[in-house]
Amino acid sequence: MLQPDYTIMNLRFGLNPEGSHWLAEVYVKNLTDKNAIIYTSTGNFDLRQTTNEPRVYGLRVNYRFGKVSNSE
């Protein structure tokens, strides 16, 4: 079965200062909250559709212990 076309937009913005131990990122998956059918099956004599996950917001914070490496 042919699924309809869909487009999903993700966004990620992060800060990683040079010479620093930390990294911070803010992200949004499925920015427009598009409800897309990504799989359709009729194998069990009924119609089953799998959709993508809804809009997800997140924050990722990372701290690296130890010596900061220089990229020179």
PDB file of N, CA and C in Angstrom:
ATOM      1  N   MET A   1       0.851  -1.172   0.000  1.00  0.00           N
ATOM      2  CA  MET A   1       0.000   0.000   0.000  1.00  0.00           C
ATOM      3  C   MET A   1       0.899   1.238   0.000  1.00  0.00           C
ATOM      4  N   LEU A   2       0.593   2.188  -0.845  1.00  0.00           N
ATOM      5  CA  LEU A   2       1.394   3.401  -0.982  1.00  0.00           C
ATOM      6  C   LEU A   2       0.960   4.442   0.037  1.00  0.00           C
ATOM      7  N   GLN A   3       1.915   4.901   0.851  1.00  0.00           N
ATOM      8  CA  GLN A   3       1.632   5.932   1.850  1.00  0.00           C
ATOM      9  C   GLN A   3       1.703   7.320   1.200  1.00  0.00           C
ATOM     10  N   PRO A   4       0.912   8.284   1.702  1.00  0.00           N
ATOM     11  CA  PRO A   4       0.994   9.647   1.161  1.00  0.00           C
ATOM     12  C   PRO A   4       2.331  10.308   1.519  1.00  0.00           C
ATOM     13  N   ASP A   5       2.730  11.273   0.696  1.00  0.00           N
ATOM     14  CA  ASP A   5       3.957  12.030   0.956  1.00  0.00           C
ATOM     15  C   ASP A   5       3.838  12.815   2.255  1.00  0.00           C
ATOM     16  N   TYR A   6       4.981  13.034   2.910  1.00  0.00           N
ATOM     17  CA  TYR A   6       5.001  13.886   4.096  1.00  0.00           C
ATOM     18  C   TYR A   6       6.382  14.505   4.252  1.00  0.00           C
ATOM     19  N   THR A   7       6.442  15.613   4.936  1.00  0.00           N
ATOM     20  CA  THR A   7       7.687  16.298   5.243  1.00  0.00           C
ATOM     21  C   THR A   7       7.679  16.646   6.724  1.00  0.00           C
ATOM     22  N   ILE A   8       8.761  16.303   7.408  1.00  0.00           N
ATOM     23  CA  ILE A   8       8.885  16.601   8.831  1.00  0.00           C
ATOM     24  C   ILE A   8      10.099  17.507   9.017  1.00  0.00           C
ATOM     25  N   MET A   9       9.934  18.569   9.789  1.00  0.00           N
ATOM     26  CA  MET A   9      10.989  19.546  10.006  1.00  0.00           C
ATOM     27  C   MET A   9      11.493  19.454  11.450  1.00  0.00           C
ATOM     28  N   ASN A  10      12.815  19.343  11.592  1.00  0.00           N
ATOM     29  CA  ASN A  10      13.454  19.324  12.902  1.00  0.00           C
ATOM     30  C   ASN A  10      14.345  20.552  13.029  1.00  0.00           C
ATOM     31  N   LEU A  11      14.534  21.036  14.250  1.00  0.00           N
ATOM     32  CA  LEU A  11      15.350  22.219  14.498  1.00  0.00           C
ATOM     33  C   LEU A  11      16.229  21.961  15.717  1.00  0.00           C
ATOM     34  N   ARG A  12      17.501  22.354  15.608  1.00  0.00           N
ATOM     35  CA  ARG A  12      18.441  22.173  16.715  1.00  0.00           C
ATOM     36  C   ARG A  12      19.358  23.391  16.769  1.00  0.00           C
ATOM     37  N   PHE A  13      19.557  23.927  17.965  1.00  0.00           N
ATOM     38  CA  PHE A  13      20.444  25.068  18.174  1.00  0.00           C
ATOM     39  C   PHE A  13      21.296  24.771  19.393  1.00  0.00           C
ATOM     40  N   GLY A  14      22.612  24.961  19.256  1.00  0.00           N
ATOM     41  CA  GLY A  14      23.481  24.627  20.367  1.00  0.00           C
ATOM     42  C   GLY A  14      24.600  25.620  20.578  1.00  0.00           C
ATOM     43  N   LEU A  15      25.136  25.603  21.792  1.00  0.00           N
ATOM     44  CA  LEU A  15      26.278  26.421  22.173  1.00  0.00           C
ATOM     45  C   LEU A  15      27.372  25.517  22.708  1.00  0.00           C
ATOM     46  N   ASN A  16      28.585  25.706  22.174  1.00  0.00           N
ATOM     47  CA  ASN A  16      29.747  24.959  22.633  1.00  0.00           C
ATOM     48  C   ASN A  16      30.935  25.913  22.591  1.00  0.00           C
ATOM     49  N   PRO A  17      31.084  26.769  23.615  1.00  0.00           N
ATOM     50  CA  PRO A  17      32.159  27.758  23.608  1.00  0.00           C
ATOM     51  C   PRO A  17      33.534  27.102  23.497  1.00  0.00           C
ATOM     52  N   GLU A  18      34.412  27.711  22.707  1.00  0.00           N
ATOM     53  CA  GLU A  18      35.755  27.180  22.515  1.00  0.00           C
ATOM     54  C   GLU A  18      36.509  27.189  23.844  1.00  0.00           C
ATOM     55  N   GLY A  19      37.185  26.093  24.142  1.00  0.00           N
ATOM     56  CA  GLY A  19      37.958  25.980  25.374  1.00  0.00           C
ATOM     57  C   GLY A  19      37.107  25.730  26.605  1.00  0.00           C
ATOM     58  N   SER A  20      35.855  25.378  26.415  1.00  0.00           N
ATOM     59  CA  SER A  20      34.941  25.177  27.532  1.00  0.00           C
ATOM     60  C   SER A  20      34.674  23.686  27.746  1.00  0.00           C
ATOM     61  N   HIS A  21      34.198  23.342  28.920  1.00  0.00           N
ATOM     62  CA  HIS A  21      33.873  21.958  29.249  1.00  0.00           C
ATOM     63  C   HIS A  21      32.419  21.598  28.947  1.00  0.00           C
ATOM     64  N   TRP A  22      31.580  22.569  28.619  1.00  0.00           N
ATOM     65  CA  TRP A  22      30.157  22.280  28.530  1.00  0.00           C
ATOM     66  C   TRP A  22      29.597  22.523  27.133  1.00  0.00           C
ATOM     67  N   LEU A  23      28.476  21.902  26.887  1.00  0.00           N
ATOM     68  CA  LEU A  23      27.727  22.010  25.640  1.00  0.00           C
ATOM     69  C   LEU A  23      26.256  22.077  26.011  1.00  0.00           C
ATOM     70  N   ALA A  24      25.506  22.937  25.359  1.00  0.00           N
ATOM     71  CA  ALA A  24      24.062  23.030  25.595  1.00  0.00           C
ATOM     72  C   ALA A  24      23.346  23.099  24.252  1.00  0.00           C
ATOM     73  N   GLU A  25      22.289  22.324  24.105  1.00  0.00           N
ATOM     74  CA  GLU A  25      21.500  22.305  22.874  1.00  0.00           C
ATOM     75  C   GLU A  25      20.012  22.335  23.210  1.00  0.00           C
ATOM     76  N   VAL A  26      19.259  23.059  22.404  1.00  0.00           N
ATOM     77  CA  VAL A  26      17.807  23.071  22.463  1.00  0.00           C
ATOM     78  C   VAL A  26      17.328  22.501  21.133  1.00  0.00           C
ATOM     79  N   TYR A  27      16.350  21.604  21.170  1.00  0.00           N
ATOM     80  CA  TYR A  27      15.887  21.021  19.915  1.00  0.00           C
ATOM     81  C   TYR A  27      14.370  20.858  19.905  1.00  0.00           C
ATOM     82  N   VAL A  28      13.831  20.789  18.694  1.00  0.00           N
ATOM     83  CA  VAL A  28      12.418  20.494  18.475  1.00  0.00           C
ATOM     84  C   VAL A  28      12.355  19.478  17.340  1.00  0.00           C
ATOM     85  N   LYS A  29      11.734  18.344  17.592  1.00  0.00           N
ATOM     86  CA  LYS A  29      11.491  17.353  16.555  1.00  0.00           C
ATOM     87  C   LYS A  29      10.047  17.509  16.088  1.00  0.00           C
ATOM     88  N   ASN A  30       9.831  17.407  14.796  1.00  0.00           N
ATOM     89  CA  ASN A  30       8.507  17.570  14.191  1.00  0.00           C
ATOM     90  C   ASN A  30       7.947  18.963  14.519  1.00  0.00           C
ATOM     91  N   LEU A  31       8.673  19.971  14.103  1.00  0.00           N
ATOM     92  CA  LEU A  31       8.384  21.364  14.431  1.00  0.00           C
ATOM     93  C   LEU A  31       6.953  21.779  14.094  1.00  0.00           C
ATOM     94  N   THR A  32       6.427  21.339  12.974  1.00  0.00           N
ATOM     95  CA  THR A  32       5.076  21.736  12.557  1.00  0.00           C
ATOM     96  C   THR A  32       4.000  20.803  13.103  1.00  0.00           C
ATOM     97  N   ASP A  33       4.382  19.823  13.902  1.00  0.00           N
ATOM     98  CA  ASP A  33       3.467  18.835  14.495  1.00  0.00           C
ATOM     99  C   ASP A  33       2.656  18.099  13.430  1.00  0.00           C
ATOM    100  N   LYS A  34       3.335  17.722  12.355  1.00  0.00           N
ATOM    101  CA  LYS A  34       2.721  16.999  11.249  1.00  0.00           C
ATOM    102  C   LYS A  34       2.395  15.572  11.681  1.00  0.00           C
ATOM    103  N   ASN A  35       1.183  15.137  11.413  1.00  0.00           N
ATOM    104  CA  ASN A  35       0.762  13.766  11.695  1.00  0.00           C
ATOM    105  C   ASN A  35       0.880  12.976  10.397  1.00  0.00           C
ATOM    106  N   ALA A  36       1.994  12.253  10.225  1.00  0.00           N
ATOM    107  CA  ALA A  36       2.268  11.535   8.986  1.00  0.00           C
ATOM    108  C   ALA A  36       2.093  10.038   9.180  1.00  0.00           C
ATOM    109  N   ILE A  37       1.572   9.386   8.185  1.00  0.00           N
ATOM    110  CA  ILE A  37       1.458   7.924   8.195  1.00  0.00           C
ATOM    111  C   ILE A  37       2.751   7.390   7.586  1.00  0.00           C
ATOM    112  N   ILE A  38       3.543   6.684   8.396  1.00  0.00           N
ATOM    113  CA  ILE A  38       4.834   6.211   7.921  1.00  0.00           C
ATOM    114  C   ILE A  38       4.822   4.732   7.536  1.00  0.00           C
ATOM    115  N   TYR A  39       3.776   4.003   7.908  1.00  0.00           N
ATOM    116  CA  TYR A  39       3.665   2.599   7.523  1.00  0.00           C
ATOM    117  C   TYR A  39       2.199   2.182   7.542  1.00  0.00           C
ATOM    118  N   THR A  40       1.794   1.439   6.528  1.00  0.00           N
ATOM    119  CA  THR A  40       0.430   0.924   6.445  1.00  0.00           C
ATOM    120  C   THR A  40       0.489  -0.575   6.180  1.00  0.00           C
ATOM    121  N   SER A  41      -0.340  -1.335   6.885  1.00  0.00           N
ATOM    122  CA  SER A  41      -0.364  -2.781   6.718  1.00  0.00           C
ATOM    123  C   SER A  41      -1.813  -3.272   6.700  1.00  0.00           C
ATOM    124  N   THR A  42      -2.082  -4.217   5.814  1.00  0.00           N
ATOM    125  CA  THR A  42      -3.392  -4.881   5.775  1.00  0.00           C
ATOM    126  C   THR A  42      -3.208  -6.391   5.937  1.00  0.00           C
ATOM    127  N   GLY A  43      -2.095  -6.802   6.523  1.00  0.00           N
ATOM    128  CA  GLY A  43      -1.740  -8.209   6.645  1.00  0.00           C
ATOM    129  C   GLY A  43      -2.668  -9.026   7.524  1.00  0.00           C
ATOM    130  N   ASN A  44      -3.370  -8.435   8.461  1.00  0.00           N
ATOM    131  CA  ASN A  44      -4.268  -9.160   9.365  1.00  0.00           C
ATOM    132  C   ASN A  44      -5.726  -8.923   9.025  1.00  0.00           C
ATOM    133  N   PHE A  45      -6.003  -8.643   7.752  1.00  0.00           N
ATOM    134  CA  PHE A  45      -7.362  -8.410   7.253  1.00  0.00           C
ATOM    135  C   PHE A  45      -8.011  -7.174   7.860  1.00  0.00           C
ATOM    136  N   ASP A  46      -7.209  -6.267   8.361  1.00  0.00           N
ATOM    137  CA  ASP A  46      -7.690  -4.968   8.801  1.00  0.00           C
ATOM    138  C   ASP A  46      -6.618  -3.934   8.468  1.00  0.00           C
ATOM    139  N   LEU A  47      -6.982  -2.682   8.487  1.00  0.00           N
ATOM    140  CA  LEU A  47      -6.061  -1.610   8.135  1.00  0.00           C
ATOM    141  C   LEU A  47      -5.350  -1.125   9.393  1.00  0.00           C
ATOM    142  N   ARG A  48      -4.020  -1.223   9.396  1.00  0.00           N
ATOM    143  CA  ARG A  48      -3.214  -0.733  10.523  1.00  0.00           C
ATOM    144  C   ARG A  48      -2.243   0.303   9.995  1.00  0.00           C
ATOM    145  N   GLN A  49      -2.225   1.458  10.660  1.00  0.00           N
ATOM    146  CA  GLN A  49      -1.345   2.535  10.240  1.00  0.00           C
ATOM    147  C   GLN A  49      -0.460   2.958  11.405  1.00  0.00           C
ATOM    148  N   THR A  50       0.817   3.154  11.110  1.00  0.00           N
ATOM    149  CA  THR A  50       1.772   3.631  12.089  1.00  0.00           C
ATOM    150  C   THR A  50       2.088   5.083  11.762  1.00  0.00           C
ATOM    151  N   THR A  51       1.986   5.944  12.765  1.00  0.00           N
ATOM    152  CA  THR A  51       2.272   7.364  12.555  1.00  0.00           C
ATOM    153  C   THR A  51       3.576   7.752  13.240  1.00  0.00           C
ATOM    154  N   ASN A  52       4.096   8.887  12.848  1.00  0.00           N
ATOM    155  CA  ASN A  52       5.313   9.405  13.470  1.00  0.00           C
ATOM    156  C   ASN A  52       5.006   9.945  14.870  1.00  0.00           C
ATOM    157  N   GLU A  53       6.063  10.252  15.619  1.00  0.00           N
ATOM    158  CA  GLU A  53       5.849  10.796  16.959  1.00  0.00           C
ATOM    159  C   GLU A  53       5.428  12.262  16.864  1.00  0.00           C
ATOM    160  N   PRO A  54       4.662  12.743  17.828  1.00  0.00           N
ATOM    161  CA  PRO A  54       4.226  14.149  17.818  1.00  0.00           C
ATOM    162  C   PRO A  54       5.401  15.090  18.099  1.00  0.00           C
ATOM    163  N   ARG A  55       5.118  16.377  18.120  1.00  0.00           N
ATOM    164  CA  ARG A  55       6.156  17.379  18.386  1.00  0.00           C
ATOM    165  C   ARG A  55       6.813  17.097  19.742  1.00  0.00           C
ATOM    166  N   VAL A  56       8.141  17.180  19.750  1.00  0.00           N
ATOM    167  CA  VAL A  56       8.925  16.923  20.959  1.00  0.00           C
ATOM    168  C   VAL A  56       9.902  18.076  21.146  1.00  0.00           C
ATOM    169  N   TYR A  57       9.889  18.682  22.338  1.00  0.00           N
ATOM    170  CA  TYR A  57      10.844  19.721  22.710  1.00  0.00           C
ATOM    171  C   TYR A  57      11.877  19.092  23.631  1.00  0.00           C
ATOM    172  N   GLY A  58      13.107  19.577  23.551  1.00  0.00           N
ATOM    173  CA  GLY A  58      14.106  19.015  24.442  1.00  0.00           C
ATOM    174  C   GLY A  58      15.275  19.935  24.685  1.00  0.00           C
ATOM    175  N   LEU A  59      16.004  19.630  25.737  1.00  0.00           N
ATOM    176  CA  LEU A  59      17.216  20.345  26.105  1.00  0.00           C
ATOM    177  C   LEU A  59      18.279  19.304  26.417  1.00  0.00           C
ATOM    178  N   ARG A  60      19.429  19.462  25.817  1.00  0.00           N
ATOM    179  CA  ARG A  60      20.541  18.549  26.061  1.00  0.00           C
ATOM    180  C   ARG A  60      21.684  19.356  26.648  1.00  0.00           C
ATOM    181  N   VAL A  61      22.174  18.939  27.800  1.00  0.00           N
ATOM    182  CA  VAL A  61      23.299  19.604  28.452  1.00  0.00           C
ATOM    183  C   VAL A  61      24.376  18.552  28.677  1.00  0.00           C
ATOM    184  N   ASN A  62      25.598  18.894  28.301  1.00  0.00           N
ATOM    185  CA  ASN A  62      26.709  17.960  28.393  1.00  0.00           C
ATOM    186  C   ASN A  62      27.882  18.662  29.066  1.00  0.00           C
ATOM    187  N   TYR A  63      28.533  17.988  29.997  1.00  0.00           N
ATOM    188  CA  TYR A  63      29.724  18.532  30.651  1.00  0.00           C
ATOM    189  C   TYR A  63      30.836  17.500  30.549  1.00  0.00           C
ATOM    190  N   ARG A  64      31.971  17.917  30.017  1.00  0.00           N
ATOM    191  CA  ARG A  64      33.108  17.003  29.857  1.00  0.00           C
ATOM    192  C   ARG A  64      34.120  17.256  30.977  1.00  0.00           C
ATOM    193  N   PHE A  65      34.353  16.235  31.796  1.00  0.00           N
ATOM    194  CA  PHE A  65      35.318  16.315  32.880  1.00  0.00           C
ATOM    195  C   PHE A  65      36.722  16.088  32.333  1.00  0.00           C
ATOM    196  N   GLY A  66      37.697  16.672  32.965  1.00  0.00           N
ATOM    197  CA  GLY A  66      39.076  16.483  32.551  1.00  0.00           C
ATOM    198  C   GLY A  66      39.604  17.672  31.779  1.00  0.00           C
ATOM    199  N   LYS A  67      40.738  17.466  31.143  1.00  0.00           N
ATOM    200  CA  LYS A  67      41.415  18.537  30.418  1.00  0.00           C
ATOM    201  C   LYS A  67      40.708  18.863  29.122  1.00  0.00           C
ATOM    202  N   VAL A  68      40.599  20.155  28.823  1.00  0.00           N
ATOM    203  CA  VAL A  68      40.001  20.606  27.578  1.00  0.00           C
ATOM    204  C   VAL A  68      41.063  20.501  26.490  1.00  0.00           C
ATOM    205  N   SER A  69      40.737  19.812  25.390  1.00  0.00           N
ATOM    206  CA  SER A  69      41.715  19.668  24.306  1.00  0.00           C
ATOM    207  C   SER A  69      41.670  20.887  23.400  1.00  0.00           C
ATOM    208  N   ASN A  70      42.841  21.324  22.948  1.00  0.00           N
ATOM    209  CA  ASN A  70      42.929  22.442  22.013  1.00  0.00           C
ATOM    210  C   ASN A  70      42.943  21.893  20.595  1.00  0.00           C
ATOM    211  N   SER A  71      42.249  22.554  19.694  1.00  0.00           N
ATOM    212  CA  SER A  71      42.148  22.069  18.312  1.00  0.00           C
ATOM    213  C   SER A  71      43.207  22.696  17.409  1.00  0.00           C
ATOM    214  N   GLU A  72      44.280  23.232  17.971  1.00  0.00           N
ATOM    215  CA  GLU A  72      45.332  23.862  17.170  1.00  0.00           C
ATOM    216  C   GLU A  72      46.297  22.841  16.652  1.00  0.00           C
TER     217      GLU A  72
END
